[in-house]
Amino acid sequence: MPIFDMIMAPFRALLEMAEAISSAARRELEDPEYIQAKLLELQLLYELGEIEEAEYEVGYQALSERLQVARLPGDPDYGEDEDED
C-alpha cells in the first residue's frame, strides 16, 4: 500500500461515514415508507399512553407534512388520503 493511500485512508473513511449519515437523513426526510412507519410508531406510542395527545398531534402534523412532500407528482401513491385519528 503506497504511503499516499495510508495517509488518505482516514479521510476516505470519514467521507464514507458522512455519506452514510447523509443517506440516512435523506431517507428520514424523503422515504414515504419510512415516514408511514414513523406515523404508525407515533400512533402506537399515543395509544399505549407513552405520549400525550398534544405531543401526538404535533408529531402527526409534522410527519403528515413530510409525507405529502415525499409523495411528489408521478409517485403512484401521490394524492392518497391518509387516515386521520
N, C-alpha and C. Protein backbone atom coordinates (compact mmCIF):
# COMPACT_ATOMS: atom_id res chain seq x y z
N MET A 1 0.86 -1.18 0.00
CA MET A 1 0.00 0.00 0.00
C MET A 1 0.90 1.24 0.00
N PRO A 2 0.76 2.06 -0.99
CA PRO A 2 1.59 3.27 -1.04
C PRO A 2 1.29 4.20 0.15
N ILE A 3 2.25 5.00 0.45
CA ILE A 3 2.16 5.95 1.57
C ILE A 3 0.94 6.86 1.40
N PHE A 4 0.71 7.33 0.19
CA PHE A 4 -0.43 8.24 -0.05
C PHE A 4 -1.75 7.58 0.35
N ASP A 5 -1.91 6.30 0.00
CA ASP A 5 -3.14 5.59 0.37
C ASP A 5 -3.28 5.48 1.88
N MET A 6 -2.18 5.25 2.57
CA MET A 6 -2.22 5.15 4.03
C MET A 6 -2.60 6.49 4.66
N ILE A 7 -2.10 7.55 4.10
CA ILE A 7 -2.41 8.89 4.63
C ILE A 7 -3.87 9.24 4.35
N MET A 8 -4.36 8.85 3.19
CA MET A 8 -5.72 9.22 2.79
C MET A 8 -6.79 8.31 3.40
N ALA A 9 -6.44 7.15 3.92
CA ALA A 9 -7.41 6.19 4.44
C ALA A 9 -8.35 6.80 5.49
N PRO A 10 -7.85 7.53 6.49
CA PRO A 10 -8.78 8.11 7.46
C PRO A 10 -9.76 9.12 6.83
N PHE A 11 -9.29 9.86 5.85
CA PHE A 11 -10.15 10.83 5.18
C PHE A 11 -11.22 10.14 4.35
N ARG A 12 -10.84 9.03 3.71
CA ARG A 12 -11.83 8.27 2.95
C ARG A 12 -12.88 7.67 3.88
N ALA A 13 -12.44 7.17 5.02
CA ALA A 13 -13.37 6.60 6.00
C ALA A 13 -14.32 7.68 6.50
N LEU A 14 -13.79 8.86 6.75
CA LEU A 14 -14.63 9.97 7.20
C LEU A 14 -15.63 10.36 6.13
N LEU A 15 -15.21 10.38 4.88
CA LEU A 15 -16.11 10.70 3.77
C LEU A 15 -17.21 9.65 3.65
N GLU A 16 -16.85 8.37 3.78
CA GLU A 16 -17.86 7.30 3.72
C GLU A 16 -18.87 7.43 4.85
N MET A 17 -18.39 7.78 6.04
CA MET A 17 -19.29 7.97 7.18
C MET A 17 -20.23 9.15 6.94
N ALA A 18 -19.71 10.23 6.41
CA ALA A 18 -20.54 11.40 6.11
C ALA A 18 -21.59 11.05 5.06
N GLU A 19 -21.23 10.27 4.06
CA GLU A 19 -22.18 9.86 3.03
C GLU A 19 -23.27 8.96 3.62
N ALA A 20 -22.90 8.08 4.55
CA ALA A 20 -23.89 7.21 5.20
C ALA A 20 -24.87 8.03 6.04
N ILE A 21 -24.36 9.02 6.75
CA ILE A 21 -25.23 9.88 7.56
C ILE A 21 -26.16 10.67 6.66
N SER A 22 -25.62 11.20 5.57
CA SER A 22 -26.44 11.95 4.62
C SER A 22 -27.53 11.07 4.03
N SER A 23 -27.19 9.86 3.69
CA SER A 23 -28.17 8.93 3.12
C SER A 23 -29.28 8.61 4.12
N ALA A 24 -28.90 8.39 5.38
CA ALA A 24 -29.90 8.10 6.41
C ALA A 24 -30.81 9.31 6.64
N ALA A 25 -30.23 10.50 6.65
CA ALA A 25 -31.04 11.72 6.85
C ALA A 25 -31.99 11.92 5.68
N ARG A 26 -31.51 11.69 4.47
CA ARG A 26 -32.35 11.83 3.28
C ARG A 26 -33.51 10.84 3.34
N ARG A 27 -33.21 9.62 3.78
CA ARG A 27 -34.24 8.60 3.89
C ARG A 27 -35.31 9.03 4.89
N GLU A 28 -34.89 9.57 6.03
CA GLU A 28 -35.84 10.01 7.04
C GLU A 28 -36.73 11.13 6.52
N LEU A 29 -36.20 11.96 5.67
CA LEU A 29 -36.96 13.10 5.16
C LEU A 29 -37.79 12.78 3.93
N GLU A 30 -37.36 11.83 3.09
CA GLU A 30 -37.96 11.66 1.78
C GLU A 30 -38.62 10.32 1.51
N ASP A 31 -38.36 9.29 2.30
CA ASP A 31 -38.88 7.96 2.03
C ASP A 31 -40.30 7.81 2.59
N PRO A 32 -41.32 7.72 1.71
CA PRO A 32 -42.70 7.62 2.19
C PRO A 32 -42.93 6.42 3.11
N GLU A 33 -42.31 5.28 2.82
CA GLU A 33 -42.50 4.11 3.67
C GLU A 33 -41.93 4.33 5.06
N TYR A 34 -40.78 4.99 5.14
CA TYR A 34 -40.17 5.29 6.43
C TYR A 34 -41.06 6.25 7.22
N ILE A 35 -41.59 7.26 6.55
CA ILE A 35 -42.44 8.24 7.23
C ILE A 35 -43.73 7.58 7.70
N GLN A 36 -44.30 6.68 6.90
CA GLN A 36 -45.50 5.97 7.32
C GLN A 36 -45.22 5.10 8.54
N ALA A 37 -44.06 4.46 8.57
CA ALA A 37 -43.69 3.66 9.73
C ALA A 37 -43.58 4.53 10.98
N LYS A 38 -43.05 5.73 10.82
CA LYS A 38 -42.94 6.66 11.95
C LYS A 38 -44.33 7.12 12.41
N LEU A 39 -45.25 7.30 11.46
CA LEU A 39 -46.62 7.65 11.83
C LEU A 39 -47.26 6.53 12.65
N LEU A 40 -47.04 5.28 12.23
CA LEU A 40 -47.57 4.14 12.98
C LEU A 40 -46.95 4.06 14.36
N GLU A 41 -45.65 4.29 14.44
CA GLU A 41 -44.96 4.28 15.73
C GLU A 41 -45.52 5.36 16.65
N LEU A 42 -45.75 6.53 16.11
CA LEU A 42 -46.31 7.64 16.88
C LEU A 42 -47.70 7.29 17.40
N GLN A 43 -48.52 6.71 16.54
CA GLN A 43 -49.87 6.31 16.94
C GLN A 43 -49.82 5.25 18.04
N LEU A 44 -48.92 4.31 17.92
CA LEU A 44 -48.79 3.27 18.93
C LEU A 44 -48.37 3.87 20.28
N LEU A 45 -47.41 4.78 20.25
CA LEU A 45 -46.99 5.44 21.49
C LEU A 45 -48.15 6.17 22.15
N TYR A 46 -48.97 6.82 21.34
CA TYR A 46 -50.13 7.54 21.87
C TYR A 46 -51.14 6.57 22.47
N GLU A 47 -51.43 5.50 21.73
CA GLU A 47 -52.42 4.53 22.20
C GLU A 47 -51.97 3.80 23.46
N LEU A 48 -50.66 3.64 23.63
CA LEU A 48 -50.14 3.00 24.84
C LEU A 48 -49.98 3.97 26.00
N GLY A 49 -50.28 5.24 25.75
CA GLY A 49 -50.18 6.24 26.79
C GLY A 49 -48.77 6.73 27.06
N GLU A 50 -47.87 6.47 26.13
CA GLU A 50 -46.48 6.89 26.30
C GLU A 50 -46.29 8.39 26.01
N ILE A 51 -47.17 8.95 25.19
CA ILE A 51 -47.11 10.38 24.89
C ILE A 51 -48.50 10.98 25.05
N GLU A 52 -48.55 12.26 25.31
CA GLU A 52 -49.81 12.99 25.48
C GLU A 52 -50.42 13.32 24.12
N GLU A 53 -51.69 13.67 24.14
CA GLU A 53 -52.39 13.99 22.89
C GLU A 53 -51.76 15.17 22.16
N ALA A 54 -51.34 16.18 22.90
CA ALA A 54 -50.74 17.36 22.27
C ALA A 54 -49.45 16.98 21.53
N GLU A 55 -48.63 16.13 22.15
CA GLU A 55 -47.40 15.69 21.51
C GLU A 55 -47.71 14.84 20.27
N TYR A 56 -48.73 14.01 20.38
CA TYR A 56 -49.16 13.19 19.25
C TYR A 56 -49.59 14.08 18.08
N GLU A 57 -50.41 15.08 18.37
CA GLU A 57 -50.91 15.96 17.30
C GLU A 57 -49.79 16.72 16.61
N VAL A 58 -48.83 17.21 17.39
CA VAL A 58 -47.70 17.93 16.80
C VAL A 58 -46.88 16.99 15.91
N GLY A 59 -46.58 15.80 16.42
CA GLY A 59 -45.82 14.83 15.65
C GLY A 59 -46.56 14.37 14.41
N TYR A 60 -47.87 14.14 14.56
CA TYR A 60 -48.68 13.70 13.43
C TYR A 60 -48.68 14.76 12.32
N GLN A 61 -48.86 16.01 12.71
CA GLN A 61 -48.88 17.10 11.73
C GLN A 61 -47.55 17.19 10.99
N ALA A 62 -46.45 17.12 11.73
CA ALA A 62 -45.13 17.23 11.11
C ALA A 62 -44.87 16.06 10.16
N LEU A 63 -45.18 14.85 10.60
CA LEU A 63 -44.96 13.68 9.74
C LEU A 63 -45.87 13.68 8.53
N SER A 64 -47.12 14.13 8.71
CA SER A 64 -48.05 14.20 7.58
C SER A 64 -47.56 15.17 6.52
N GLU A 65 -47.03 16.31 6.96
CA GLU A 65 -46.49 17.28 6.01
C GLU A 65 -45.29 16.70 5.28
N ARG A 66 -44.41 16.00 6.00
CA ARG A 66 -43.26 15.36 5.35
C ARG A 66 -43.70 14.31 4.35
N LEU A 67 -44.77 13.59 4.69
CA LEU A 67 -45.27 12.56 3.78
C LEU A 67 -45.81 13.19 2.51
N GLN A 68 -46.52 14.29 2.63
CA GLN A 68 -47.04 14.98 1.44
C GLN A 68 -45.90 15.46 0.54
N VAL A 69 -44.84 15.97 1.14
CA VAL A 69 -43.70 16.44 0.36
C VAL A 69 -43.00 15.25 -0.30
N ALA A 70 -42.91 14.14 0.43
CA ALA A 70 -42.23 12.95 -0.10
C ALA A 70 -42.98 12.35 -1.27
N ARG A 71 -44.28 12.52 -1.31
CA ARG A 71 -45.10 11.96 -2.39
C ARG A 71 -45.30 13.02 -3.46
N LEU A 72 -44.39 13.08 -4.36
CA LEU A 72 -44.43 14.07 -5.42
C LEU A 72 -45.27 13.56 -6.58
N PRO A 73 -45.76 14.46 -7.46
CA PRO A 73 -46.48 14.01 -8.65
C PRO A 73 -45.62 13.01 -9.42
N GLY A 74 -46.28 11.99 -9.94
CA GLY A 74 -45.55 10.93 -10.62
C GLY A 74 -45.37 9.73 -9.73
N ASP A 75 -45.46 9.93 -8.41
CA ASP A 75 -45.40 8.84 -7.45
C ASP A 75 -46.75 8.12 -7.50
N PRO A 76 -46.78 6.80 -7.58
CA PRO A 76 -48.06 6.09 -7.67
C PRO A 76 -48.97 6.33 -6.46
N ASP A 77 -48.38 6.70 -5.32
CA ASP A 77 -49.18 6.95 -4.13
C ASP A 77 -49.54 8.43 -3.97
N TYR A 78 -49.15 9.26 -4.93
CA TYR A 78 -49.38 10.70 -4.81
C TYR A 78 -50.88 10.99 -4.70
N GLY A 79 -51.21 11.81 -3.72
CA GLY A 79 -52.59 12.23 -3.56
C GLY A 79 -53.46 11.30 -2.76
N GLU A 80 -52.91 10.15 -2.29
CA GLU A 80 -53.72 9.27 -1.47
C GLU A 80 -54.02 9.96 -0.15
N ASP A 81 -55.22 9.75 0.35
CA ASP A 81 -55.60 10.33 1.63
C ASP A 81 -55.01 9.48 2.75
N GLU A 82 -54.54 10.14 3.79
CA GLU A 82 -54.04 9.46 4.96
C GLU A 82 -55.17 9.35 5.97
N ASP A 83 -55.16 8.28 6.76
CA ASP A 83 -56.14 8.13 7.83
C ASP A 83 -55.81 9.12 8.92
N GLU A 84 -56.80 9.87 9.34
CA GLU A 84 -56.60 10.80 10.44
C GLU A 84 -57.26 10.24 11.67
N ASP A 85 -56.52 10.17 12.74
CA ASP A 85 -57.04 9.66 14.00
C ASP A 85 -57.16 10.74 15.01
